[in-house]
Amino acid sequence: MALVALVIGGCGSSAESGNGSHPDYAKALAGSPAPLAALYEQANDLLPGGQDAFEKRIAQLRGYPVVVNVWASWCGPCREEFPVLQKLSARYGKEVAFFGLNSEDSDDAAATFLREEPVPYPSYTDPHKDVFTSLGAVGFPDTAFFDEKGELVYLKQGPYRHDSELEADVRRYALGSA
C-alpha cells in the first residue's frame, strides 16, 4: 500500500492541473482492495496491448464494477469532462474500477495531456479504434459501464458535463442503486 501511495502521490496530488486542482488521490484511494490498488499503481500510464490486454484487464477486475472512459487528447469535450472523472474516480475508486481508453490519438499527445490532467488510473491505447469499435462507441468521449461479471451493461455516448450526471450513472450501472 505504501507503493500505491507513492505512485499515486507522485502524480502530483496537490499540484495544480489545467482546470484547477485535482483530488488528493493517495488520500482518497488509500486502503483500496488489492485488485483496485494494482490498477492505481499504473496511474496515468498508457498501456499497450489492444483488445486482448483490455479484455484481460476487465477479466482481472471481476468482482468489481468497471467504468471505462473513451477519450482522446485532441477532443475538446473529453478535456472538459476530465475534471468530472477526476472527482468521481477519487470518490468511488475503492468500490468501482476506473480506467481509460485513449483512442485514435498519439501516445505523446496523450501523455502530455495526462501530465496536465492526471487521473489515478491507467488508459489503454487504442490507436486504430479496435476496442472503441468493440464497445459500440460512436464518438468522443463515451463511457462504458461493466458489471461485476465483466459484462457491458451501459454505454453513455457523449460527455458528462456535471459530477451529478456521472455519479447518477455510477450509482445506477456500476453500483446497482438509484
C-alpha atoms as a PDB file:
ATOM      1  CA  MET A   1       0.000   0.000   0.000  1.00  0.00           C
ATOM      2  CA  ALA A   2       2.913   2.335   0.608  1.00  0.00           C
ATOM      3  CA  LEU A   3       3.943   1.843  -3.019  1.00  0.00           C
ATOM      4  CA  VAL A   4       0.430   2.730  -4.172  1.00  0.00           C
ATOM      5  CA  ALA A   5       0.523   5.887  -2.090  1.00  0.00           C
ATOM      6  CA  LEU A   6       3.920   6.845  -3.517  1.00  0.00           C
ATOM      7  CA  VAL A   7       2.904   6.162  -7.102  1.00  0.00           C
ATOM      8  CA  ILE A   8      -0.415   7.950  -6.827  1.00  0.00           C
ATOM      9  CA  GLY A   9       1.150  10.705  -4.772  1.00  0.00           C
ATOM     10  CA  GLY A  10       3.809  11.069  -7.455  1.00  0.00           C
ATOM     11  CA  CYS A  11       1.090  12.130  -9.858  1.00  0.00           C
ATOM     12  CA  GLY A  12       1.062  15.465  -8.064  1.00  0.00           C
ATOM     13  CA  SER A  13      -1.838  15.096  -5.681  1.00  0.00           C
ATOM     14  CA  SER A  14      -1.603  18.693  -4.584  1.00  0.00           C
ATOM     15  CA  ALA A  15      -0.378  20.181  -7.858  1.00  0.00           C
ATOM     16  CA  GLU A  16      -2.492  22.434  -9.970  1.00  0.00           C
ATOM     17  CA  SER A  17      -3.897  20.909 -13.125  1.00  0.00           C
ATOM     18  CA  GLY A  18      -5.040  22.730 -16.227  1.00  0.00           C
ATOM     19  CA  ASN A  19      -8.568  23.245 -14.866  1.00  0.00           C
ATOM     20  CA  GLY A  20      -7.663  23.677 -11.212  1.00  0.00           C
ATOM     21  CA  SER A  21      -6.507  21.257  -8.587  1.00  0.00           C
ATOM     22  CA  HIS A  22      -7.448  17.617  -8.784  1.00  0.00           C
ATOM     23  CA  PRO A  23      -8.295  15.375  -5.823  1.00  0.00           C
ATOM     24  CA  ASP A  24      -5.672  14.021  -3.467  1.00  0.00           C
ATOM     25  CA  TYR A  25      -5.720  10.525  -4.960  1.00  0.00           C
ATOM     26  CA  ALA A  26      -3.349   8.995  -2.411  1.00  0.00           C
ATOM     27  CA  LYS A  27      -5.629  10.037   0.432  1.00  0.00           C
ATOM     28  CA  ALA A  28      -8.890   9.250  -1.370  1.00  0.00           C
ATOM     29  CA  LEU A  29      -7.844   5.767  -2.514  1.00  0.00           C
ATOM     30  CA  ALA A  30      -5.775   4.635   0.475  1.00  0.00           C
ATOM     31  CA  GLY A  31      -6.901   1.197   1.590  1.00  0.00           C
ATOM     32  CA  SER A  32      -8.344   0.184  -1.785  1.00  0.00           C
ATOM     33  CA  PRO A  33      -8.841  -3.572  -2.302  1.00  0.00           C
ATOM     34  CA  ALA A  34      -5.809  -5.257  -3.927  1.00  0.00           C
ATOM     35  CA  PRO A  35      -7.199  -5.502  -7.494  1.00  0.00           C
ATOM     36  CA  LEU A  36      -8.099  -1.818  -7.466  1.00  0.00           C
ATOM     37  CA  ALA A  37      -4.826  -0.820  -5.797  1.00  0.00           C
ATOM     38  CA  ALA A  38      -2.973  -2.663  -8.589  1.00  0.00           C
ATOM     39  CA  LEU A  39      -4.878  -0.578 -11.116  1.00  0.00           C
ATOM     40  CA  TYR A  40      -3.926   2.639  -9.321  1.00  0.00           C
ATOM     41  CA  GLU A  41      -0.251   1.642  -9.300  1.00  0.00           C
ATOM     42  CA  GLN A  42      -0.454   2.377 -13.039  1.00  0.00           C
ATOM     43  CA  ALA A  43      -1.866   5.882 -12.585  1.00  0.00           C
ATOM     44  CA  ASN A  44      -1.545   7.949 -15.771  1.00  0.00           C
ATOM     45  CA  ASP A  45       0.211   5.136 -17.650  1.00  0.00           C
ATOM     46  CA  LEU A  46      -0.631   4.494 -21.286  1.00  0.00           C
ATOM     47  CA  LEU A  47      -0.821   0.721 -21.632  1.00  0.00           C
ATOM     48  CA  PRO A  48      -0.387  -1.122 -24.943  1.00  0.00           C
ATOM     49  CA  GLY A  49      -1.893  -4.449 -25.875  1.00  0.00           C
ATOM     50  CA  GLY A  50      -5.056  -3.657 -27.763  1.00  0.00           C
ATOM     51  CA  GLN A  51      -8.219  -5.714 -27.472  1.00  0.00           C
ATOM     52  CA  ASP A  52      -6.516  -8.661 -25.720  1.00  0.00           C
ATOM     53  CA  ALA A  53      -4.999  -6.522 -22.953  1.00  0.00           C
ATOM     54  CA  PHE A  54      -8.247  -4.609 -22.498  1.00  0.00           C
ATOM     55  CA  GLU A  55     -10.307  -7.798 -22.155  1.00  0.00           C
ATOM     56  CA  LYS A  56      -7.707  -9.340 -19.821  1.00  0.00           C
ATOM     57  CA  ARG A  57      -7.957  -6.297 -17.509  1.00  0.00           C
ATOM     58  CA  ILE A  58     -11.763  -6.495 -17.471  1.00  0.00           C
ATOM     59  CA  ALA A  59     -11.435 -10.196 -16.525  1.00  0.00           C
ATOM     60  CA  GLN A  60      -8.881  -9.393 -13.791  1.00  0.00           C
ATOM     61  CA  LEU A  61     -11.349  -6.959 -12.266  1.00  0.00           C
ATOM     62  CA  ARG A  62     -14.206  -9.470 -11.979  1.00  0.00           C
ATOM     63  CA  GLY A  63     -15.973  -8.896  -8.701  1.00  0.00           C
ATOM     64  CA  TYR A  64     -15.817  -5.132  -9.183  1.00  0.00           C
ATOM     65  CA  PRO A  65     -17.862  -2.925 -11.475  1.00  0.00           C
ATOM     66  CA  VAL A  66     -15.758  -1.111 -14.067  1.00  0.00           C
ATOM     67  CA  VAL A  67     -16.116   2.318 -15.665  1.00  0.00           C
ATOM     68  CA  VAL A  68     -14.090   2.856 -18.852  1.00  0.00           C
ATOM     69  CA  ASN A  69     -13.819   6.349 -20.285  1.00  0.00           C
ATOM     70  CA  VAL A  70     -13.076   6.581 -24.020  1.00  0.00           C
ATOM     71  CA  TRP A  71     -11.090   9.730 -24.709  1.00  0.00           C
ATOM     72  CA  ALA A  72      -8.536  11.450 -26.940  1.00  0.00           C
ATOM     73  CA  SER A  73      -6.282  14.378 -26.117  1.00  0.00           C
ATOM     74  CA  TRP A  74      -7.442  16.321 -29.189  1.00  0.00           C
ATOM     75  CA  CYS A  75     -11.124  16.027 -28.166  1.00  0.00           C
ATOM     76  CA  GLY A  76     -12.460  19.247 -26.601  1.00  0.00           C
ATOM     77  CA  PRO A  77     -15.430  17.597 -24.845  1.00  0.00           C
ATOM     78  CA  CYS A  78     -13.051  14.920 -23.456  1.00  0.00           C
ATOM     79  CA  ARG A  79     -10.864  17.634 -21.968  1.00  0.00           C
ATOM     80  CA  GLU A  80     -13.905  19.355 -20.447  1.00  0.00           C
ATOM     81  CA  GLU A  81     -15.082  16.048 -18.955  1.00  0.00           C
ATOM     82  CA  PHE A  82     -11.789  15.089 -17.271  1.00  0.00           C
ATOM     83  CA  PRO A  83     -12.376  17.065 -14.037  1.00  0.00           C
ATOM     84  CA  VAL A  84     -15.634  15.139 -13.568  1.00  0.00           C
ATOM     85  CA  LEU A  85     -13.747  11.839 -13.971  1.00  0.00           C
ATOM     86  CA  GLN A  86     -11.025  13.017 -11.613  1.00  0.00           C
ATOM     87  CA  LYS A  87     -13.531  13.754  -8.850  1.00  0.00           C
ATOM     88  CA  LEU A  88     -15.697  10.661  -9.270  1.00  0.00           C
ATOM     89  CA  SER A  89     -12.798   8.209  -9.615  1.00  0.00           C
ATOM     90  CA  ALA A  90     -11.446   9.538  -6.317  1.00  0.00           C
ATOM     91  CA  ARG A  91     -14.891   9.376  -4.682  1.00  0.00           C
ATOM     92  CA  TYR A  92     -15.845   5.850  -5.857  1.00  0.00           C
ATOM     93  CA  GLY A  93     -12.457   4.308  -6.618  1.00  0.00           C
ATOM     94  CA  LYS A  94     -12.499   1.981  -3.591  1.00  0.00           C
ATOM     95  CA  GLU A  95     -15.689   0.309  -4.884  1.00  0.00           C
ATOM     96  CA  VAL A  96     -15.501   0.777  -8.649  1.00  0.00           C
ATOM     97  CA  ALA A  97     -12.571   0.245 -11.015  1.00  0.00           C
ATOM     98  CA  PHE A  98     -11.928   3.144 -13.367  1.00  0.00           C
ATOM     99  CA  PHE A  99      -9.650   3.176 -16.379  1.00  0.00           C
ATOM    100  CA  GLY A 100      -9.385   4.920 -19.701  1.00  0.00           C
ATOM    101  CA  LEU A 101      -9.254   4.019 -23.350  1.00  0.00           C
ATOM    102  CA  ASN A 102      -7.202   6.516 -25.337  1.00  0.00           C
ATOM    103  CA  SER A 103      -8.330   6.027 -28.900  1.00  0.00           C
ATOM    104  CA  GLU A 104      -7.216   7.449 -32.236  1.00  0.00           C
ATOM    105  CA  ASP A 105      -4.543   9.543 -30.542  1.00  0.00           C
ATOM    106  CA  SER A 106      -0.763   9.753 -30.417  1.00  0.00           C
ATOM    107  CA  ASP A 107       0.949   8.475 -27.287  1.00  0.00           C
ATOM    108  CA  ASP A 108       2.971  11.705 -26.995  1.00  0.00           C
ATOM    109  CA  ALA A 109      -0.114  13.929 -27.085  1.00  0.00           C
ATOM    110  CA  ALA A 110      -1.974  11.659 -24.655  1.00  0.00           C
ATOM    111  CA  ALA A 111       0.961  11.564 -22.207  1.00  0.00           C
ATOM    112  CA  THR A 112       1.262  15.349 -22.307  1.00  0.00           C
ATOM    113  CA  PHE A 113      -2.442  15.725 -21.566  1.00  0.00           C
ATOM    114  CA  LEU A 114      -2.253  13.255 -18.664  1.00  0.00           C
ATOM    115  CA  ARG A 115       0.593  15.267 -17.126  1.00  0.00           C
ATOM    116  CA  GLU A 116      -1.723  18.308 -17.258  1.00  0.00           C
ATOM    117  CA  GLU A 117      -4.842  16.460 -16.054  1.00  0.00           C
ATOM    118  CA  PRO A 118      -3.694  13.437 -14.013  1.00  0.00           C
ATOM    119  CA  VAL A 119      -6.052  10.621 -13.129  1.00  0.00           C
ATOM    120  CA  PRO A 120      -5.435   7.824 -10.607  1.00  0.00           C
ATOM    121  CA  TYR A 121      -5.841   5.084 -13.208  1.00  0.00           C
ATOM    122  CA  PRO A 122      -4.195   3.950 -16.468  1.00  0.00           C
ATOM    123  CA  SER A 123      -5.516   4.189 -20.008  1.00  0.00           C
ATOM    124  CA  TYR A 124      -5.149   1.582 -22.704  1.00  0.00           C
ATOM    125  CA  THR A 125      -4.002   2.822 -26.084  1.00  0.00           C
ATOM    126  CA  ASP A 126      -6.308   2.112 -29.000  1.00  0.00           C
ATOM    127  CA  PRO A 127      -4.773   3.904 -31.999  1.00  0.00           C
ATOM    128  CA  HIS A 128      -6.857   2.082 -34.618  1.00  0.00           C
ATOM    129  CA  LYS A 129     -10.134   2.158 -32.628  1.00  0.00           C
ATOM    130  CA  ASP A 130     -10.384  -1.639 -32.316  1.00  0.00           C
ATOM    131  CA  VAL A 131     -11.563  -1.581 -28.681  1.00  0.00           C
ATOM    132  CA  PHE A 132     -13.593   1.556 -29.394  1.00  0.00           C
ATOM    133  CA  THR A 133     -15.484  -0.340 -32.097  1.00  0.00           C
ATOM    134  CA  SER A 134     -15.953  -3.470 -29.967  1.00  0.00           C
ATOM    135  CA  LEU A 135     -17.588  -1.358 -27.246  1.00  0.00           C
ATOM    136  CA  GLY A 136     -20.026   0.130 -29.734  1.00  0.00           C
ATOM    137  CA  ALA A 137     -18.634   3.616 -29.158  1.00  0.00           C
ATOM    138  CA  VAL A 138     -19.512   6.161 -31.809  1.00  0.00           C
ATOM    139  CA  GLY A 139     -17.737   9.337 -30.738  1.00  0.00           C
ATOM    140  CA  PHE A 140     -15.612  11.031 -28.148  1.00  0.00           C
ATOM    141  CA  PRO A 141     -15.987  10.889 -25.254  1.00  0.00           C
ATOM    142  CA  ASP A 142     -18.004   7.781 -24.481  1.00  0.00           C
ATOM    143  CA  THR A 143     -18.129   5.927 -21.174  1.00  0.00           C
ATOM    144  CA  ALA A 144     -18.696   2.167 -20.814  1.00  0.00           C
ATOM    145  CA  PHE A 145     -20.036   0.534 -17.654  1.00  0.00           C
ATOM    146  CA  PHE A 146     -19.289  -3.114 -16.904  1.00  0.00           C
ATOM    147  CA  ASP A 147     -20.923  -5.084 -14.096  1.00  0.00           C
ATOM    148  CA  GLU A 148     -19.054  -7.251 -11.567  1.00  0.00           C
ATOM    149  CA  LYS A 149     -19.178 -10.174 -14.017  1.00  0.00           C
ATOM    150  CA  GLY A 150     -17.374  -8.192 -16.703  1.00  0.00           C
ATOM    151  CA  GLU A 151     -20.463  -7.700 -18.868  1.00  0.00           C
ATOM    152  CA  LEU A 152     -21.022  -4.392 -20.641  1.00  0.00           C
ATOM    153  CA  VAL A 153     -24.274  -3.024 -19.186  1.00  0.00           C
ATOM    154  CA  TYR A 154     -24.367   0.552 -20.487  1.00  0.00           C
ATOM    155  CA  LEU A 155     -22.571   2.833 -22.914  1.00  0.00           C
ATOM    156  CA  LYS A 156     -23.005   6.580 -22.379  1.00  0.00           C
ATOM    157  CA  GLN A 157     -22.362   8.456 -25.583  1.00  0.00           C
ATOM    158  CA  GLY A 158     -21.096  11.980 -25.181  1.00  0.00           C
ATOM    159  CA  PRO A 159     -19.560  13.857 -22.284  1.00  0.00           C
ATOM    160  CA  TYR A 160     -20.559  14.116 -18.668  1.00  0.00           C
ATOM    161  CA  ARG A 161     -20.783  17.827 -18.025  1.00  0.00           C
ATOM    162  CA  HIS A 162     -21.513  17.666 -14.291  1.00  0.00           C
ATOM    163  CA  ASP A 163     -20.409  15.448 -11.423  1.00  0.00           C
ATOM    164  CA  SER A 164     -24.043  14.644 -10.662  1.00  0.00           C
ATOM    165  CA  GLU A 165     -24.607  13.092 -14.117  1.00  0.00           C
ATOM    166  CA  LEU A 166     -21.677  10.685 -13.839  1.00  0.00           C
ATOM    167  CA  GLU A 167     -22.448   9.997 -10.194  1.00  0.00           C
ATOM    168  CA  ALA A 168     -26.022   9.004 -11.099  1.00  0.00           C
ATOM    169  CA  ASP A 169     -24.739   6.584 -13.744  1.00  0.00           C
ATOM    170  CA  VAL A 170     -22.066   5.144 -11.421  1.00  0.00           C
ATOM    171  CA  ARG A 171     -24.754   4.505  -8.820  1.00  0.00           C
ATOM    172  CA  ARG A 172     -27.200   3.066 -11.364  1.00  0.00           C
ATOM    173  CA  TYR A 173     -24.962   0.993 -13.644  1.00  0.00           C
ATOM    174  CA  ALA A 174     -21.893   0.254 -11.526  1.00  0.00           C
ATOM    175  CA  LEU A 175     -23.274   0.004  -8.010  1.00  0.00           C
ATOM    176  CA  GLY A 176     -26.853  -1.026  -8.840  1.00  0.00           C
ATOM    177  CA  SER A 177     -28.507   1.635  -6.690  1.00  0.00           C
ATOM    178  CA  ALA A 178     -30.613   4.638  -7.616  1.00  0.00           C
END
